[in-house]
Amino acid sequence: MEFFSERLLPLLVEYGLLAIFVTMTLESVCIPIPSEIVVPFGGVLAARGDESLWAVVGVATLANMVGSGIAYGAGRYGGRALFERYGKFLFISSHHLARADQWFERRGEITVFLTRMMPGVRTFISVPAGVSRMNALKFAVYSLLGAIPWNMGLALLGWYFGSNWEGLQAQFHRYNAVFYVALGACLVAFVTWRVIRRRRERGDFEA
């Protein structure tokens, strides 16, 4: 976080809404620029009277939509061919792609909506949604519905608690650490469950 803070904050001070738009567009195109720095500091600028709070939220959300649309398009019109050709090197088979298609067809809306409010994951969800050819209109709508509360919450945190910027960033750091640990534990549990289930189906556990 400190690495990004030292480089992003001067840009945000100097260029304001333009810097917010560019950085949040890049974040949504899968470049790991933390919105937990950019949008809260936009809230700080709004509290100081340099920007409008609603403009910060609106610009950040618009940037998310633009960047997500680019990432979705890349996944839909180029990503699938790459996965079909080179996915074996990442242990991704045509079966996995078919399962992903089924997932996004049945649960794409809630997946996109929820992941828009998750650190890290929110940056990359657009690509698999595009690869699985999720309905573009639904993708856009649920991306918007997820991006608005995320950006509003971050901007308000900066507005109210930005006077203690270091403390606010420390809280974000702890939240991210807990989130990633919990996410990792869930993934390990899921993979373990899948392995055990597959072995039972093959009869590996029979006496």
C-alpha atoms as a PDB file:
ATOM      1  CA  MET A   1       0.000   0.000   0.000  1.00  0.00           C
ATOM      2  CA  GLU A   2       2.793   2.428   0.881  1.00  0.00           C
ATOM      3  CA  PHE A   3       4.414   1.901  -2.527  1.00  0.00           C
ATOM      4  CA  PHE A   4       1.203   2.926  -4.286  1.00  0.00           C
ATOM      5  CA  SER A   5       0.418   5.749  -1.864  1.00  0.00           C
ATOM      6  CA  GLU A   6       3.714   7.493  -2.528  1.00  0.00           C
ATOM      7  CA  ARG A   7       3.088   7.453  -6.272  1.00  0.00           C
ATOM      8  CA  LEU A   8      -0.665   7.873  -6.513  1.00  0.00           C
ATOM      9  CA  LEU A   9      -1.397  10.605  -3.986  1.00  0.00           C
ATOM     10  CA  PRO A  10       0.623  13.342  -5.744  1.00  0.00           C
ATOM     11  CA  LEU A  11      -1.164  12.501  -9.012  1.00  0.00           C
ATOM     12  CA  LEU A  12      -4.551  12.659  -7.316  1.00  0.00           C
ATOM     13  CA  VAL A  13      -3.739  16.003  -5.703  1.00  0.00           C
ATOM     14  CA  GLU A  14      -2.549  17.493  -8.991  1.00  0.00           C
ATOM     15  CA  TYR A  15      -5.044  16.039 -11.461  1.00  0.00           C
ATOM     16  CA  GLY A  16      -8.075  15.241  -9.305  1.00  0.00           C
ATOM     17  CA  LEU A  17     -10.959  13.617 -11.173  1.00  0.00           C
ATOM     18  CA  LEU A  18      -8.847  12.952 -14.268  1.00  0.00           C
ATOM     19  CA  ALA A  19      -6.375  10.916 -12.195  1.00  0.00           C
ATOM     20  CA  ILE A  20      -9.252   9.037 -10.551  1.00  0.00           C
ATOM     21  CA  PHE A  21     -10.727   8.167 -13.940  1.00  0.00           C
ATOM     22  CA  VAL A  22      -7.436   6.997 -15.456  1.00  0.00           C
ATOM     23  CA  THR A  23      -6.308   4.938 -12.455  1.00  0.00           C
ATOM     24  CA  MET A  24      -9.686   3.295 -11.892  1.00  0.00           C
ATOM     25  CA  THR A  25      -9.989   2.474 -15.594  1.00  0.00           C
ATOM     26  CA  LEU A  26      -6.574   0.820 -15.453  1.00  0.00           C
ATOM     27  CA  GLU A  27      -7.581  -1.075 -12.304  1.00  0.00           C
ATOM     28  CA  SER A  28     -10.619  -2.480 -14.094  1.00  0.00           C
ATOM     29  CA  VAL A  29      -8.443  -3.539 -17.039  1.00  0.00           C
ATOM     30  CA  CYS A  30      -6.690  -5.916 -14.618  1.00  0.00           C
ATOM     31  CA  ILE A  31      -3.784  -3.637 -13.684  1.00  0.00           C
ATOM     32  CA  PRO A  32      -3.493  -3.944  -9.878  1.00  0.00           C
ATOM     33  CA  ILE A  33      -3.960  -0.324  -8.811  1.00  0.00           C
ATOM     34  CA  PRO A  34      -5.695  -0.348  -5.406  1.00  0.00           C
ATOM     35  CA  SER A  35      -9.035   1.440  -5.387  1.00  0.00           C
ATOM     36  CA  GLU A  36      -8.656   1.381  -1.577  1.00  0.00           C
ATOM     37  CA  ILE A  37      -6.192   4.249  -2.035  1.00  0.00           C
ATOM     38  CA  VAL A  38      -7.596   6.147  -5.008  1.00  0.00           C
ATOM     39  CA  VAL A  39     -11.279   6.433  -4.123  1.00  0.00           C
ATOM     40  CA  PRO A  40     -10.867   7.154  -0.375  1.00  0.00           C
ATOM     41  CA  PHE A  41      -8.367   9.877  -1.208  1.00  0.00           C
ATOM     42  CA  GLY A  42     -10.937  11.243  -3.639  1.00  0.00           C
ATOM     43  CA  GLY A  43     -13.203  11.436  -0.592  1.00  0.00           C
ATOM     44  CA  VAL A  44     -10.455  13.332   1.230  1.00  0.00           C
ATOM     45  CA  LEU A  45     -10.227  15.811  -1.645  1.00  0.00           C
ATOM     46  CA  ALA A  46     -14.015  16.215  -1.518  1.00  0.00           C
ATOM     47  CA  ALA A  47     -13.924  16.875   2.232  1.00  0.00           C
ATOM     48  CA  ARG A  48     -11.318  19.573   1.600  1.00  0.00           C
ATOM     49  CA  GLY A  49     -13.564  21.165  -1.004  1.00  0.00           C
ATOM     50  CA  ASP A  50     -11.267  20.368  -3.931  1.00  0.00           C
ATOM     51  CA  GLU A  51     -13.788  18.024  -5.572  1.00  0.00           C
ATOM     52  CA  SER A  52     -17.452  17.054  -5.274  1.00  0.00           C
ATOM     53  CA  LEU A  53     -18.083  13.806  -3.402  1.00  0.00           C
ATOM     54  CA  TRP A  54     -20.708  12.793  -5.955  1.00  0.00           C
ATOM     55  CA  ALA A  55     -18.290  13.558  -8.782  1.00  0.00           C
ATOM     56  CA  VAL A  56     -15.664  11.305  -7.185  1.00  0.00           C
ATOM     57  CA  VAL A  57     -18.138   8.426  -6.905  1.00  0.00           C
ATOM     58  CA  GLY A  58     -19.517   9.012 -10.394  1.00  0.00           C
ATOM     59  CA  VAL A  59     -16.120   9.253 -12.086  1.00  0.00           C
ATOM     60  CA  ALA A  60     -14.758   6.187 -10.268  1.00  0.00           C
ATOM     61  CA  THR A  61     -17.858   4.191 -11.223  1.00  0.00           C
ATOM     62  CA  LEU A  62     -17.716   5.339 -14.850  1.00  0.00           C
ATOM     63  CA  ALA A  63     -14.045   4.362 -14.962  1.00  0.00           C
ATOM     64  CA  ASN A  64     -14.875   0.929 -13.553  1.00  0.00           C
ATOM     65  CA  MET A  65     -17.477   0.438 -16.278  1.00  0.00           C
ATOM     66  CA  VAL A  66     -15.117   1.515 -19.071  1.00  0.00           C
ATOM     67  CA  GLY A  67     -12.244  -0.658 -17.844  1.00  0.00           C
ATOM     68  CA  SER A  68     -14.497  -3.623 -17.125  1.00  0.00           C
ATOM     69  CA  GLY A  69     -15.992  -3.361 -20.598  1.00  0.00           C
ATOM     70  CA  ILE A  70     -12.529  -3.484 -22.148  1.00  0.00           C
ATOM     71  CA  ALA A  71     -11.535  -6.517 -20.044  1.00  0.00           C
ATOM     72  CA  TYR A  72     -14.861  -8.241 -20.784  1.00  0.00           C
ATOM     73  CA  GLY A  73     -14.392  -7.638 -24.507  1.00  0.00           C
ATOM     74  CA  ALA A  74     -10.855  -8.994 -24.395  1.00  0.00           C
ATOM     75  CA  GLY A  75     -12.090 -12.151 -22.675  1.00  0.00           C
ATOM     76  CA  ARG A  76     -15.065 -12.599 -24.998  1.00  0.00           C
ATOM     77  CA  TYR A  77     -13.352 -11.950 -28.325  1.00  0.00           C
ATOM     78  CA  GLY A  78      -9.817 -13.158 -27.701  1.00  0.00           C
ATOM     79  CA  GLY A  79      -9.483 -14.829 -24.342  1.00  0.00           C
ATOM     80  CA  ARG A  80     -11.433 -17.970 -25.109  1.00  0.00           C
ATOM     81  CA  ALA A  81      -9.287 -18.865 -28.096  1.00  0.00           C
ATOM     82  CA  LEU A  82      -6.179 -18.422 -25.954  1.00  0.00           C
ATOM     83  CA  PHE A  83      -7.554 -20.637 -23.189  1.00  0.00           C
ATOM     84  CA  GLU A  84      -8.611 -23.290 -25.697  1.00  0.00           C
ATOM     85  CA  ARG A  85      -5.148 -23.300 -27.228  1.00  0.00           C
ATOM     86  CA  TYR A  86      -2.884 -22.761 -24.229  1.00  0.00           C
ATOM     87  CA  GLY A  87      -5.127 -23.569 -21.261  1.00  0.00           C
ATOM     88  CA  LYS A  88      -3.531 -27.005 -20.885  1.00  0.00           C
ATOM     89  CA  PHE A  89      -0.382 -25.310 -19.650  1.00  0.00           C
ATOM     90  CA  LEU A  90      -2.470 -23.813 -16.830  1.00  0.00           C
ATOM     91  CA  PHE A  91      -4.338 -27.099 -16.277  1.00  0.00           C
ATOM     92  CA  ILE A  92      -7.491 -25.595 -17.813  1.00  0.00           C
ATOM     93  CA  SER A  93      -9.304 -28.007 -20.109  1.00  0.00           C
ATOM     94  CA  SER A  94     -12.333 -27.681 -22.365  1.00  0.00           C
ATOM     95  CA  HIS A  95     -14.295 -29.326 -19.548  1.00  0.00           C
ATOM     96  CA  HIS A  96     -13.329 -26.498 -17.200  1.00  0.00           C
ATOM     97  CA  LEU A  97     -14.401 -23.931 -19.772  1.00  0.00           C
ATOM     98  CA  ALA A  98     -17.744 -25.685 -20.166  1.00  0.00           C
ATOM     99  CA  ARG A  99     -18.236 -25.673 -16.400  1.00  0.00           C
ATOM    100  CA  ALA A 100     -17.381 -21.981 -16.280  1.00  0.00           C
ATOM    101  CA  ASP A 101     -19.936 -21.340 -19.026  1.00  0.00           C
ATOM    102  CA  GLN A 102     -22.588 -23.132 -16.985  1.00  0.00           C
ATOM    103  CA  TRP A 103     -21.630 -21.194 -13.860  1.00  0.00           C
ATOM    104  CA  PHE A 104     -21.896 -17.778 -15.502  1.00  0.00           C
ATOM    105  CA  GLU A 105     -25.115 -18.758 -17.251  1.00  0.00           C
ATOM    106  CA  ARG A 106     -26.785 -19.697 -13.963  1.00  0.00           C
ATOM    107  CA  ARG A 107     -24.982 -17.539 -11.416  1.00  0.00           C
ATOM    108  CA  GLY A 108     -23.242 -14.857 -13.456  1.00  0.00           C
ATOM    109  CA  GLU A 109     -25.336 -11.974 -12.146  1.00  0.00           C
ATOM    110  CA  ILE A 110     -24.746 -12.617  -8.440  1.00  0.00           C
ATOM    111  CA  THR A 111     -21.094 -13.517  -9.097  1.00  0.00           C
ATOM    112  CA  VAL A 112     -20.352 -10.244 -10.876  1.00  0.00           C
ATOM    113  CA  PHE A 113     -22.338  -8.206  -8.349  1.00  0.00           C
ATOM    114  CA  LEU A 114     -20.610  -9.656  -5.281  1.00  0.00           C
ATOM    115  CA  THR A 115     -17.092  -9.740  -6.692  1.00  0.00           C
ATOM    116  CA  ARG A 116     -17.331  -6.044  -7.566  1.00  0.00           C
ATOM    117  CA  MET A 117     -17.127  -5.445  -3.807  1.00  0.00           C
ATOM    118  CA  MET A 118     -14.188  -7.791  -3.150  1.00  0.00           C
ATOM    119  CA  PRO A 119     -10.584  -6.537  -3.157  1.00  0.00           C
ATOM    120  CA  GLY A 120      -8.385  -8.082  -5.803  1.00  0.00           C
ATOM    121  CA  VAL A 121     -11.080 -10.342  -7.243  1.00  0.00           C
ATOM    122  CA  ARG A 122     -13.079  -7.359  -8.505  1.00  0.00           C
ATOM    123  CA  THR A 123     -10.209  -6.430 -10.807  1.00  0.00           C
ATOM    124  CA  PHE A 124     -10.163  -9.725 -12.692  1.00  0.00           C
ATOM    125  CA  ILE A 125     -13.766 -10.988 -12.798  1.00  0.00           C
ATOM    126  CA  SER A 126     -14.490  -9.282 -16.139  1.00  0.00           C
ATOM    127  CA  VAL A 127     -12.166 -11.556 -18.110  1.00  0.00           C
ATOM    128  CA  PRO A 128     -13.743 -14.911 -17.128  1.00  0.00           C
ATOM    129  CA  ALA A 129     -17.186 -13.354 -17.581  1.00  0.00           C
ATOM    130  CA  GLY A 130     -16.190 -12.455 -21.124  1.00  0.00           C
ATOM    131  CA  VAL A 131     -14.534 -15.816 -21.803  1.00  0.00           C
ATOM    132  CA  SER A 132     -17.762 -17.538 -20.722  1.00  0.00           C
ATOM    133  CA  ARG A 133     -19.739 -15.154 -22.938  1.00  0.00           C
ATOM    134  CA  MET A 134     -21.985 -13.923 -20.153  1.00  0.00           C
ATOM    135  CA  ASN A 135     -24.794 -11.748 -21.506  1.00  0.00           C
ATOM    136  CA  ALA A 136     -23.181  -8.348 -22.057  1.00  0.00           C
ATOM    137  CA  LEU A 137     -26.146  -6.295 -20.831  1.00  0.00           C
ATOM    138  CA  LYS A 138     -26.458  -8.334 -17.633  1.00  0.00           C
ATOM    139  CA  PHE A 139     -22.722  -8.057 -17.101  1.00  0.00           C
ATOM    140  CA  ALA A 140     -22.884  -4.273 -17.428  1.00  0.00           C
ATOM    141  CA  VAL A 141     -25.929  -3.895 -15.171  1.00  0.00           C
ATOM    142  CA  TYR A 142     -24.593  -6.039 -12.334  1.00  0.00           C
ATOM    143  CA  SER A 143     -21.134  -4.518 -12.644  1.00  0.00           C
ATOM    144  CA  LEU A 144     -22.729  -1.100 -12.192  1.00  0.00           C
ATOM    145  CA  LEU A 145     -24.832  -2.272  -9.237  1.00  0.00           C
ATOM    146  CA  GLY A 146     -21.720  -3.643  -7.548  1.00  0.00           C
ATOM    147  CA  ALA A 147     -19.425  -0.733  -8.377  1.00  0.00           C
ATOM    148  CA  ILE A 148     -21.703   1.998  -6.979  1.00  0.00           C
ATOM    149  CA  PRO A 149     -21.816   0.840  -3.319  1.00  0.00           C
ATOM    150  CA  TRP A 150     -18.109  -0.054  -3.398  1.00  0.00           C
ATOM    151  CA  ASN A 151     -17.078   3.390  -4.617  1.00  0.00           C
ATOM    152  CA  MET A 152     -19.599   5.167  -2.420  1.00  0.00           C
ATOM    153  CA  GLY A 153     -18.373   3.324   0.662  1.00  0.00           C
ATOM    154  CA  LEU A 154     -14.711   4.044  -0.080  1.00  0.00           C
ATOM    155  CA  ALA A 155     -15.354   7.706  -0.844  1.00  0.00           C
ATOM    156  CA  LEU A 156     -17.364   8.170   2.353  1.00  0.00           C
ATOM    157  CA  LEU A 157     -14.614   6.535   4.401  1.00  0.00           C
ATOM    158  CA  GLY A 158     -12.146   9.026   2.959  1.00  0.00           C
ATOM    159  CA  TRP A 159     -14.598  11.865   3.573  1.00  0.00           C
ATOM    160  CA  TYR A 160     -15.157  11.014   7.242  1.00  0.00           C
ATOM    161  CA  PHE A 161     -11.846   9.482   8.307  1.00  0.00           C
ATOM    162  CA  GLY A 162      -9.347  10.941   5.857  1.00  0.00           C
ATOM    163  CA  SER A 163      -7.867  13.186   8.541  1.00  0.00           C
ATOM    164  CA  ASN A 164      -6.348   9.976   9.917  1.00  0.00           C
ATOM    165  CA  TRP A 165      -5.145   8.746   6.545  1.00  0.00           C
ATOM    166  CA  GLU A 166      -2.429   6.415   7.852  1.00  0.00           C
ATOM    167  CA  GLY A 167      -4.865   4.779  10.262  1.00  0.00           C
ATOM    168  CA  LEU A 168      -7.451   4.360   7.507  1.00  0.00           C
ATOM    169  CA  GLN A 169      -4.922   2.692   5.215  1.00  0.00           C
ATOM    170  CA  ALA A 170      -3.826   0.401   8.060  1.00  0.00           C
ATOM    171  CA  GLN A 171      -7.441  -0.705   8.447  1.00  0.00           C
ATOM    172  CA  PHE A 172      -7.672  -1.414   4.722  1.00  0.00           C
ATOM    173  CA  HIS A 173      -4.457  -3.419   4.942  1.00  0.00           C
ATOM    174  CA  ARG A 174      -5.828  -5.540   7.781  1.00  0.00           C
ATOM    175  CA  TYR A 175      -9.139  -6.031   5.999  1.00  0.00           C
ATOM    176  CA  ASN A 176      -7.381  -7.165   2.824  1.00  0.00           C
ATOM    177  CA  ALA A 177      -5.148  -9.558   4.766  1.00  0.00           C
ATOM    178  CA  VAL A 178      -8.133 -11.158   6.520  1.00  0.00           C
ATOM    179  CA  PHE A 179     -10.058 -11.361   3.235  1.00  0.00           C
ATOM    180  CA  TYR A 180      -7.237 -13.089   1.366  1.00  0.00           C
ATOM    181  CA  VAL A 181      -6.607 -15.546   4.205  1.00  0.00           C
ATOM    182  CA  ALA A 182     -10.316 -16.409   4.311  1.00  0.00           C
ATOM    183  CA  LEU A 183     -10.465 -16.699   0.517  1.00  0.00           C
ATOM    184  CA  GLY A 184      -7.406 -18.954   0.498  1.00  0.00           C
ATOM    185  CA  ALA A 185      -8.915 -21.169   3.215  1.00  0.00           C
ATOM    186  CA  CYS A 186     -12.152 -21.470   1.235  1.00  0.00           C
ATOM    187  CA  LEU A 187     -10.263 -22.410  -1.919  1.00  0.00           C
ATOM    188  CA  VAL A 188      -8.212 -25.051  -0.078  1.00  0.00           C
ATOM    189  CA  ALA A 189     -11.380 -26.461   1.495  1.00  0.00           C
ATOM    190  CA  PHE A 190     -13.132 -26.524  -1.884  1.00  0.00           C
ATOM    191  CA  VAL A 191     -10.236 -28.254  -3.655  1.00  0.00           C
ATOM    192  CA  THR A 192      -9.937 -30.786  -0.811  1.00  0.00           C
ATOM    193  CA  TRP A 193     -13.648 -31.520  -0.992  1.00  0.00           C
ATOM    194  CA  ARG A 194     -13.451 -31.989  -4.768  1.00  0.00           C
ATOM    195  CA  VAL A 195     -10.491 -34.371  -4.476  1.00  0.00           C
ATOM    196  CA  ILE A 196     -12.188 -36.450  -1.779  1.00  0.00           C
ATOM    197  CA  ARG A 197     -15.444 -36.558  -3.730  1.00  0.00           C
ATOM    198  CA  ARG A 198     -13.685 -37.635  -6.920  1.00  0.00           C
ATOM    199  CA  ARG A 199     -11.782 -40.380  -5.109  1.00  0.00           C
ATOM    200  CA  ARG A 200     -14.993 -41.652  -3.543  1.00  0.00           C
ATOM    201  CA  GLU A 201     -16.653 -41.721  -6.951  1.00  0.00           C
ATOM    202  CA  ARG A 202     -13.721 -43.786  -8.269  1.00  0.00           C
ATOM    203  CA  GLY A 203     -13.926 -46.081  -5.241  1.00  0.00           C
ATOM    204  CA  ASP A 204     -10.459 -45.215  -3.906  1.00  0.00           C
ATOM    205  CA  PHE A 205     -11.754 -45.227  -0.323  1.00  0.00           C
ATOM    206  CA  GLU A 206     -13.409 -48.612  -0.503  1.00  0.00           C
ATOM    207  CA  ALA A 207     -12.003 -51.326   1.726  1.00  0.00           C
END
